[in-house]
Each structure stands twice: as structure tokens, then as C-alpha cells.
Amino acid sequence: MAVLNAAADALDTDALELPTLNDRVDPDYLARIPDATTADDGVRVAVEVSFGDVRVLLTDEGRVAAYPDEEAGDLRPTATADHDWTGPGSILDTIADAVATADGDAGASTEELLRRVDPETIDRVVRPMAGGTERTDSRLLLSIDGYEVTVAPDGRIAVEPSLSALERAGAALLVVGSVPEQEFDRAVSALLGGPEEERWPVFVLHGRDVETASRRLSMADASPASATVLDHRARARSGAAATAGDGGETDPLPSVIPVAEEMDALPDAVRETVGGPETTTPGELRLCVDSLDAMVEASGVDSVRQALEPLCETVREHRGVGQFLLPGDADDDAVCRLAPAFDAVVTLRTGDAGVEQRWRLTGTGHETSWFPVR
């Protein structure tokens, strides 16, 4: 009923007017999705059901959310497979084989992780009905060992690396590391996207100057005039200020909006600035909050986390990229306490090839190897 009510609310209709849920999923096994995994399984499971122009997502955490069909997070698969529902093989085996096709090294670990989920629920929720009639307008979603997997009712399986899906579909990232300021500059500018992308940089600064944002925008080949800065110190200088540029000309600074110093004022200030999800295209919003260590020192970890959670939700609603900078070691207490609010923790270090990064997905605990910041 939660799925039907969410769809009815989004479509402004009565739940009784919707098509039969059984044509899309097995309702009994849909209800078992919140119990299909546990928090430390290393696997996340969800089911998505479509009703016209609306899709409704039910996660294994019991969360139900409706969103427009055109905003669906369809994968761009690096591997595919077809499962035969009438054959003797398990759907979990077919999924493991598909992940192994995408990355042969992940095959054994994927099989081990899949043993921890409820196999009957995974097998039955979108399987064809008893008479063989194929279900429609639904799909099973899994996040396994650094890969995103979708299973369609016709048995079609698609696999894509989680990092690729995160960067495209939108994510809130906690960026940490005991590295010099210029290394954070490089990481921030990389996450701001390239000049060929449609992007709207929005900076929230606390303990940083507006010139910090301008410097990183320049490194990302983005005009400072295209960006907005929320000065959380409430001591913002005028957005009309300018600094001398090459040849004696003036370079524009981002527009600056002062924000009251209280942490609980920050989420509303950001929402008022960026508007609703309809105001941006997927990937356009690039939110940078710098830096969390100054916020924690001023307001404490608990107050900061309470303010960050709605900020992360705003990023996800816009399907943007949010980077929240916290200089320091990845195992610091503040990092451990704040990390659950984010989709991934990005750790920086200085390596032989320059600044390197390692991503840990908070949903599954999957951790990548070190790779260069491009």
C-alpha cells in the first residue's frame, strides 16, 4: 500500500484507480524487500515499479519514494546477461556471472555477498506469474561489490560500475585527507566537471575566502560569474567586488549571499538558492561545502550532521554532485560520525602520480583501489 499510495499521490489520483500491482511485481515478495538484507551485508536491494509517468522505489531500508519517469536512473551497462526463469539456474548465479563478466576479479566476492541476501525474495519479486505471464513496468535493483545491477521481468540483467552510476545519477561525497590545500583544489576542480558539461557551481564557505572558490573554478575552466557563493560566516563581501586580472582587467567574482552563522539556517538557505529539482538538469548542480572542520569547530559534530543530511538530500533530488570537504585523516572521529550521511567517502593522498583518490561506498562498504585525480 505504501508503494501504491506514493504513486497515487504523485499522479494526483486515488490508489484504487491505479493498474493492478500484481501485473508488475509479486506483492508478497515486494513486502519482504525491507528484510532481504541487513545493514552490514555489503549488498543493497530495491524494487522499482512504474505507473505511467511515475516510478516508485522501495528500498531494503523500507524507504518509499516516487519520482518522474524521465528522471529514472537507468544504467549504461558494461556487461549484460539474460536469465531463463524456466531453467534450473538461480537468478543469483546469473547475477554473479554478469558481474564477473564486467570484472573477472569480482566474481568470487560477489558470489559470497549474494549468499547473504534472501534468495527467495530476489528470485520471486519480478519473476513471471505462475501461468507464465510476464510482468511489466518493474525492475529489481542491486548494489553489489562496487557494481550496480538491474534485473528486468524478462530476465534481462544489466551491470555498471557504481562509481559511474553515482557520478551520473548524482551523489553527496565526503572528501577527506591529510593533504596540502592545493591537492584539495585539484580534487574539487575535477568534481566540478568539464567545460563541455552544463554545470551550476554553488559554494558554501565557512572558514574560506571567496577567492578559494574563484581559484577552483578557474582550475575547472568555469567562469566565476557562473557560480554562487553562500558565505556561512555572514561576513560576505559584495558580489560586485573584483580583483585585478591579467592585463589590468578586472575578473568577476561569484555572486555572494550571506547566511546567518547558525547551522540550522544552512539547509533552507541552500534550498532557497538552488530551488526545486525542476530548476536544474541532471548533473548540473555542483555543490561544494568547504570546510566541515571549521563548521565542526564552531558548532559541534552533531549540529553539523543535522544540517548536512538535508543538504545531501537536496543534492540527490537535483541529481547533482555534492562535495563536502573535511581535511584530516579518514579514520578521524568526525569522519566516522559524519560518513553515514553521504553516498561515498573520497579519501585523498599524495602518491607517486600526484594526488590520488580512493572511494568507499557507504551503502555497501565497497572500497576502490587508489587511482589518480584527473
Protein backbone atom coordinates (compact mmCIF):
# COMPACT_ATOMS: atom_id res chain seq x y z
CA MET A 1 0.00 0.00 0.00
CA ALA A 2 2.92 2.37 0.62
CA VAL A 3 4.03 1.90 -2.99
CA LEU A 4 0.52 2.41 -4.35
CA ASN A 5 -0.12 5.46 -2.17
CA ALA A 6 3.16 7.05 -3.24
CA ALA A 7 2.24 6.57 -6.90
CA ALA A 8 -1.30 7.87 -6.33
CA ASP A 9 -0.03 10.99 -4.58
CA ALA A 10 2.46 11.70 -7.39
CA LEU A 11 -0.23 11.20 -10.05
CA ASP A 12 -2.90 13.06 -8.05
CA THR A 13 -5.32 10.17 -8.21
CA ASP A 14 -6.82 7.50 -5.97
CA ALA A 15 -4.79 4.35 -5.29
CA LEU A 16 -7.80 2.27 -6.32
CA GLU A 17 -7.64 3.82 -9.79
CA LEU A 18 -4.12 2.53 -10.44
CA PRO A 19 -3.38 -0.60 -12.52
CA THR A 20 -3.09 -3.88 -10.62
CA LEU A 21 0.20 -4.11 -8.70
CA ASN A 22 0.35 -7.87 -9.33
CA ASP A 23 0.93 -7.21 -13.04
CA ARG A 24 4.22 -5.57 -12.10
CA VAL A 25 5.56 -7.44 -9.06
CA ASP A 26 4.62 -10.20 -6.67
CA PRO A 27 3.13 -8.16 -3.78
CA ASP A 28 4.01 -10.75 -1.14
CA TYR A 29 7.68 -10.68 -2.05
CA LEU A 30 7.68 -6.93 -2.58
CA ALA A 31 6.69 -6.65 1.09
CA ARG A 32 9.75 -8.74 2.02
CA ILE A 33 12.25 -6.38 0.36
CA PRO A 34 12.94 -4.43 3.62
CA ASP A 35 14.00 -7.74 5.20
CA ALA A 36 16.00 -9.04 2.22
CA THR A 37 19.33 -7.76 3.59
CA THR A 38 20.89 -6.43 6.76
CA ALA A 39 22.92 -3.25 7.16
CA ASP A 40 26.32 -4.99 7.12
CA ASP A 41 25.66 -7.40 4.24
CA GLY A 42 27.63 -5.42 1.67
CA VAL A 43 24.61 -5.68 -0.65
CA ARG A 44 21.72 -3.25 -1.13
CA VAL A 45 18.44 -4.27 -2.74
CA ALA A 46 15.46 -2.26 -4.02
CA VAL A 47 12.48 -2.65 -6.34
CA GLU A 48 11.23 -0.02 -8.76
CA VAL A 49 7.63 -0.05 -10.01
CA SER A 50 6.31 2.19 -12.82
CA PHE A 51 2.83 3.70 -13.11
CA GLY A 52 2.58 5.82 -16.24
CA ASP A 53 4.86 8.83 -15.84
CA VAL A 54 5.88 7.95 -12.28
CA ARG A 55 8.26 5.40 -10.85
CA VAL A 56 8.16 4.33 -7.19
CA LEU A 57 11.21 2.94 -5.41
CA LEU A 58 11.07 0.65 -2.36
CA THR A 59 14.45 0.07 -0.70
CA ASP A 60 15.65 -2.60 1.72
CA GLU A 61 15.71 0.15 4.37
CA GLY A 62 11.93 0.49 3.99
CA ARG A 63 12.11 3.85 2.23
CA VAL A 64 9.48 4.58 -0.43
CA ALA A 65 9.99 7.43 -2.92
CA ALA A 66 8.20 8.49 -6.11
CA TYR A 67 9.83 10.42 -8.94
CA PRO A 68 9.10 11.31 -12.57
CA ASP A 69 9.79 8.61 -15.12
CA GLU A 70 12.20 10.81 -17.08
CA GLU A 71 14.43 11.08 -14.01
CA ALA A 72 14.93 7.33 -13.70
CA GLY A 73 18.48 6.19 -13.06
CA ASP A 74 18.87 3.84 -15.98
CA LEU A 75 22.25 2.13 -16.21
CA ARG A 76 24.74 2.36 -19.01
CA PRO A 77 25.85 -1.26 -18.75
CA THR A 78 29.36 -2.54 -19.21
CA ALA A 79 28.01 -6.11 -19.12
CA THR A 80 24.63 -7.76 -19.71
CA ALA A 81 23.11 -11.22 -19.33
CA ASP A 82 19.78 -12.97 -19.87
CA HIS A 83 18.27 -15.16 -17.16
CA ASP A 84 15.97 -18.03 -18.09
CA TRP A 85 13.20 -18.03 -15.50
CA THR A 86 12.11 -21.51 -16.62
CA GLY A 87 15.57 -23.05 -16.32
CA PRO A 88 17.21 -24.72 -13.32
CA GLY A 89 19.71 -21.93 -12.67
CA SER A 90 19.33 -19.42 -9.84
CA ILE A 91 18.89 -15.72 -10.59
CA LEU A 92 21.67 -15.07 -8.07
CA ASP A 93 24.05 -17.24 -10.11
CA THR A 94 23.18 -15.33 -13.28
CA ILE A 95 23.75 -12.01 -11.49
CA ALA A 96 27.14 -13.20 -10.20
CA ASP A 97 28.13 -14.32 -13.71
CA ALA A 98 27.14 -10.92 -15.13
CA VAL A 99 29.24 -9.06 -12.54
CA ALA A 100 32.14 -11.39 -13.26
CA THR A 101 31.81 -10.51 -16.96
CA ALA A 102 32.13 -6.82 -16.04
CA ASP A 103 35.09 -7.55 -13.76
CA GLY A 104 36.51 -11.05 -13.53
CA ASP A 105 38.23 -10.27 -10.23
CA ALA A 106 34.87 -9.52 -8.58
CA GLY A 107 33.27 -12.88 -9.35
CA ALA A 108 34.19 -14.80 -6.17
CA SER A 109 33.48 -11.91 -3.80
CA THR A 110 30.13 -11.25 -5.49
CA GLU A 111 29.05 -14.85 -5.03
CA GLU A 112 29.97 -14.63 -1.34
CA LEU A 113 27.99 -11.41 -0.87
CA LEU A 114 24.92 -12.77 -2.65
CA ARG A 115 24.77 -15.71 -0.24
CA ARG A 116 23.82 -13.20 2.46
CA VAL A 117 20.59 -11.99 0.86
CA ASP A 118 17.18 -13.65 0.90
CA PRO A 119 17.36 -15.77 -2.29
CA GLU A 120 13.62 -16.46 -2.48
CA THR A 121 12.71 -12.77 -2.41
CA ILE A 122 15.29 -11.91 -5.07
CA ASP A 123 14.09 -14.77 -7.26
CA ARG A 124 10.35 -14.20 -6.94
CA VAL A 125 9.66 -10.46 -6.79
CA VAL A 126 9.74 -9.76 -10.56
CA ARG A 127 9.58 -13.35 -11.85
CA PRO A 128 6.75 -14.12 -14.34
CA MET A 129 3.43 -15.17 -12.84
CA ALA A 130 2.55 -18.82 -12.24
CA GLY A 131 0.92 -19.19 -15.65
CA GLY A 132 4.00 -17.80 -17.38
CA THR A 133 2.61 -14.30 -18.00
CA GLU A 134 5.50 -11.86 -17.90
CA ARG A 135 5.28 -8.94 -15.51
CA THR A 136 5.90 -5.43 -16.84
CA ASP A 137 6.90 -1.93 -15.67
CA SER A 138 9.14 -3.03 -12.83
CA ARG A 139 12.74 -3.95 -12.12
CA LEU A 140 14.89 -5.28 -9.31
CA LEU A 141 17.90 -3.14 -8.32
CA LEU A 142 21.01 -4.35 -6.51
CA SER A 143 24.26 -2.70 -5.43
CA ILE A 144 26.96 -5.34 -5.06
CA ASP A 145 30.70 -5.10 -4.53
CA GLY A 146 31.12 -1.83 -6.40
CA TYR A 147 28.60 -2.60 -9.15
CA GLU A 148 25.01 -1.59 -9.83
CA VAL A 149 22.74 -4.31 -11.21
CA THR A 150 19.22 -4.18 -12.65
CA VAL A 151 17.02 -7.21 -13.32
CA ALA A 152 14.03 -6.75 -15.64
CA PRO A 153 10.95 -9.02 -15.60
CA ASP A 154 12.03 -10.51 -18.93
CA GLY A 155 15.26 -11.70 -17.28
CA ARG A 156 17.49 -9.05 -18.82
CA ILE A 157 20.35 -8.17 -16.44
CA ALA A 158 22.50 -5.02 -16.76
CA VAL A 159 25.68 -4.23 -14.81
CA GLU A 160 27.54 -0.91 -14.43
CA PRO A 161 30.32 0.16 -12.01
CA SER A 162 28.85 2.01 -9.03
CA LEU A 163 31.18 4.98 -9.42
CA SER A 164 29.99 5.61 -12.96
CA ALA A 165 26.36 5.39 -11.89
CA LEU A 166 26.94 7.65 -8.87
CA GLU A 167 28.66 10.38 -10.86
CA ARG A 168 25.90 10.35 -13.49
CA ALA A 169 22.85 9.95 -11.23
CA GLY A 170 24.01 12.34 -8.50
CA ALA A 171 25.71 11.82 -5.17
CA ALA A 172 26.79 13.52 -1.96
CA LEU A 173 30.51 12.91 -1.35
CA LEU A 174 32.54 13.40 1.83
CA VAL A 175 36.06 14.34 0.69
CA VAL A 176 38.78 13.80 3.32
CA GLY A 177 42.54 13.57 3.53
CA SER A 178 45.65 14.94 5.19
CA VAL A 179 46.96 16.62 2.05
CA PRO A 180 48.02 20.19 1.18
CA GLU A 181 45.39 22.74 0.17
CA GLN A 182 46.43 22.58 -3.49
CA GLU A 183 45.58 18.86 -3.57
CA PHE A 184 42.05 19.65 -2.40
CA ASP A 185 41.96 22.31 -5.13
CA ARG A 186 42.67 19.66 -7.77
CA ALA A 187 40.08 17.23 -6.40
CA VAL A 188 37.40 19.91 -6.12
CA SER A 189 38.01 21.23 -9.63
CA ALA A 190 37.80 17.69 -11.05
CA LEU A 191 34.42 17.11 -9.38
CA LEU A 192 33.13 20.43 -10.70
CA GLY A 193 33.04 18.85 -14.17
CA GLY A 194 34.47 19.86 -17.52
CA PRO A 195 33.69 22.88 -19.69
CA GLU A 196 31.68 20.71 -22.08
CA GLU A 197 29.18 19.92 -19.30
CA GLU A 198 26.21 22.04 -18.25
CA ARG A 199 27.00 22.97 -14.65
CA TRP A 200 25.98 25.39 -11.92
CA PRO A 201 28.63 25.63 -9.18
CA VAL A 202 27.29 26.59 -5.75
CA PHE A 203 29.81 27.03 -2.93
CA VAL A 204 29.03 27.08 0.79
CA LEU A 205 32.06 28.61 2.51
CA HIS A 206 32.90 28.53 6.21
CA GLY A 207 36.46 29.41 7.14
CA ARG A 208 37.31 30.00 3.48
CA ASP A 209 37.53 33.15 1.33
CA VAL A 210 35.63 33.77 -1.88
CA GLU A 211 38.96 33.70 -3.70
CA THR A 212 39.15 29.97 -2.82
CA ALA A 213 36.04 29.36 -4.91
CA SER A 214 37.34 31.55 -7.73
CA ARG A 215 40.64 29.67 -7.82
CA ARG A 216 38.95 26.27 -8.06
CA LEU A 217 36.50 27.49 -10.69
CA SER A 218 39.44 28.71 -12.77
CA MET A 219 41.11 25.29 -12.48
CA ALA A 220 37.87 23.70 -13.72
CA ASP A 221 37.72 26.18 -16.62
CA ALA A 222 34.46 27.61 -15.27
CA SER A 223 33.71 31.32 -15.12
CA PRO A 224 33.45 32.64 -11.54
CA ALA A 225 30.48 34.70 -12.74
CA SER A 226 28.55 31.46 -13.31
CA ALA A 227 28.84 30.44 -9.65
CA THR A 228 27.01 31.34 -6.45
CA VAL A 229 28.67 31.53 -3.03
CA LEU A 230 26.82 31.23 0.27
CA ASP A 231 29.10 32.82 2.86
CA HIS A 232 28.21 30.99 6.05
CA ARG A 233 30.40 33.30 8.12
CA ALA A 234 27.78 36.02 7.48
CA ARG A 235 30.62 38.40 6.60
CA ALA A 236 30.31 38.14 2.83
CA ARG A 237 31.81 40.84 0.71
CA SER A 238 29.78 42.35 -2.07
CA GLY A 239 29.37 40.15 -5.15
CA ALA A 240 30.26 43.20 -7.20
CA ALA A 241 33.83 43.19 -5.89
CA ALA A 242 36.55 42.34 -8.38
CA THR A 243 40.23 41.55 -8.39
CA ALA A 244 42.83 42.55 -10.89
CA GLY A 245 43.33 40.08 -13.69
CA ASP A 246 45.82 39.69 -16.49
CA GLY A 247 46.43 42.84 -18.49
CA GLY A 248 44.96 45.02 -15.76
CA GLU A 249 41.38 43.97 -16.49
CA THR A 250 39.06 43.00 -13.67
CA ASP A 251 38.00 39.40 -13.15
CA PRO A 252 34.43 38.90 -11.84
CA LEU A 253 33.86 37.17 -8.53
CA PRO A 254 30.92 34.82 -7.91
CA SER A 255 27.74 36.37 -6.58
CA VAL A 256 27.85 36.18 -2.79
CA ILE A 257 24.92 35.59 -0.42
CA PRO A 258 25.48 35.99 3.34
CA VAL A 259 23.98 33.30 5.58
CA ALA A 260 23.35 33.50 9.33
CA GLU A 261 26.00 31.71 11.35
CA GLU A 262 23.61 29.17 12.94
CA MET A 263 23.98 25.74 11.34
CA ASP A 264 20.23 25.12 11.23
CA ALA A 265 19.84 28.07 8.84
CA LEU A 266 22.06 26.49 6.21
CA PRO A 267 19.73 23.87 4.63
CA ASP A 268 16.96 26.41 3.99
CA ALA A 269 19.45 28.91 2.59
CA VAL A 270 20.75 26.34 0.09
CA ARG A 271 17.25 25.25 -0.92
CA GLU A 272 16.18 28.84 -1.43
CA THR A 273 19.24 29.42 -3.60
CA VAL A 274 19.00 26.32 -5.83
CA GLY A 275 15.20 25.96 -5.92
CA GLY A 276 13.40 22.68 -6.55
CA PRO A 277 14.63 19.75 -8.66
CA GLU A 278 12.79 21.12 -11.68
CA THR A 279 15.15 24.13 -11.78
CA THR A 280 18.19 22.09 -12.87
CA THR A 281 19.00 19.30 -15.28
CA PRO A 282 20.64 16.08 -14.00
CA GLY A 283 24.31 16.69 -13.25
CA GLU A 284 24.03 20.48 -13.46
CA LEU A 285 24.14 21.33 -9.74
CA ARG A 286 27.70 21.14 -8.35
CA LEU A 287 27.55 21.92 -4.62
CA CYS A 288 30.83 22.40 -2.73
CA VAL A 289 30.78 22.82 1.06
CA ASP A 290 34.16 23.94 2.41
CA SER A 291 35.09 23.19 5.02
CA LEU A 292 33.46 20.93 7.54
CA ASP A 293 36.32 21.12 10.03
CA ALA A 294 35.62 24.82 10.57
CA MET A 295 31.90 24.07 10.97
CA VAL A 296 32.58 21.28 13.46
CA GLU A 297 34.88 23.53 15.47
CA ALA A 298 32.23 26.24 15.57
CA SER A 299 29.07 24.17 16.11
CA GLY A 300 30.00 20.59 17.02
CA VAL A 301 29.65 17.35 15.06
CA ASP A 302 26.02 16.68 15.93
CA SER A 303 24.79 20.09 14.78
CA VAL A 304 26.81 19.82 11.59
CA ARG A 305 25.43 16.39 10.77
CA GLN A 306 21.85 17.56 11.32
CA ALA A 307 22.45 20.35 8.81
CA LEU A 308 24.30 18.15 6.31
CA GLU A 309 21.63 15.48 5.97
CA PRO A 310 19.06 17.77 4.26
CA LEU A 311 21.88 19.26 2.14
CA CYS A 312 22.73 15.76 0.89
CA GLU A 313 19.06 15.16 0.11
CA THR A 314 18.94 18.39 -1.90
CA VAL A 315 21.89 17.19 -4.00
CA ARG A 316 20.22 13.83 -4.63
CA GLU A 317 16.88 15.43 -5.53
CA HIS A 318 18.65 17.56 -8.15
CA ARG A 319 20.73 14.56 -9.27
CA GLY A 320 23.76 16.77 -8.83
CA VAL A 321 27.21 16.25 -7.35
CA GLY A 322 27.87 17.50 -3.83
CA GLN A 323 31.36 17.55 -2.34
CA PHE A 324 31.77 18.24 1.36
CA LEU A 325 35.38 18.88 2.34
CA LEU A 326 36.80 17.69 5.66
CA PRO A 327 40.61 17.94 5.85
CA GLY A 328 42.06 15.25 8.10
CA ASP A 329 42.61 11.52 8.34
CA ALA A 330 39.93 9.15 7.06
CA ASP A 331 39.70 7.45 10.47
CA ASP A 332 39.20 10.66 12.47
CA ASP A 333 36.19 10.67 14.79
CA ALA A 334 34.41 13.44 12.85
CA VAL A 335 34.76 11.50 9.58
CA CYS A 336 33.36 8.33 11.14
CA ARG A 337 30.39 10.18 12.64
CA LEU A 338 29.54 12.17 9.51
CA ALA A 339 30.17 9.48 6.86
CA PRO A 340 26.75 7.72 7.11
CA ALA A 341 25.05 10.85 5.74
CA PHE A 342 26.92 10.53 2.44
CA ASP A 343 26.84 8.23 -0.58
CA ALA A 344 30.61 7.83 -0.60
CA VAL A 345 33.73 8.88 1.25
CA VAL A 346 36.54 10.04 -1.05
CA THR A 347 39.97 9.88 0.59
CA LEU A 348 42.86 11.88 -0.90
CA ARG A 349 46.58 11.22 -0.61
CA THR A 350 49.76 12.35 -2.33
CA GLY A 351 51.18 9.45 -4.34
CA ASP A 352 53.85 8.81 -6.95
CA ALA A 353 51.50 10.04 -9.69
CA GLY A 354 50.44 13.15 -7.76
CA VAL A 355 47.19 13.42 -5.83
CA GLU A 356 45.32 10.09 -5.70
CA GLN A 357 41.85 9.17 -4.50
CA ARG A 358 40.08 6.14 -3.09
CA TRP A 359 36.28 5.87 -2.89
CA ARG A 360 34.33 3.94 -0.25
CA LEU A 361 30.62 3.49 -0.94
CA THR A 362 28.79 3.91 2.35
CA GLY A 363 25.78 1.87 1.22
CA THR A 364 27.74 -1.36 0.72
CA GLY A 365 31.16 -0.64 2.21
CA HIS A 366 32.86 -1.35 -1.13
CA GLU A 367 36.22 0.39 -1.40
CA THR A 368 38.10 1.05 -4.62
CA SER A 369 41.83 0.91 -5.11
CA TRP A 370 43.82 4.17 -5.31
CA PHE A 371 43.61 5.98 -8.65
CA PRO A 372 44.76 9.42 -9.84
CA VAL A 373 42.63 12.56 -9.66
CA ARG A 374 42.17 13.55 -13.30
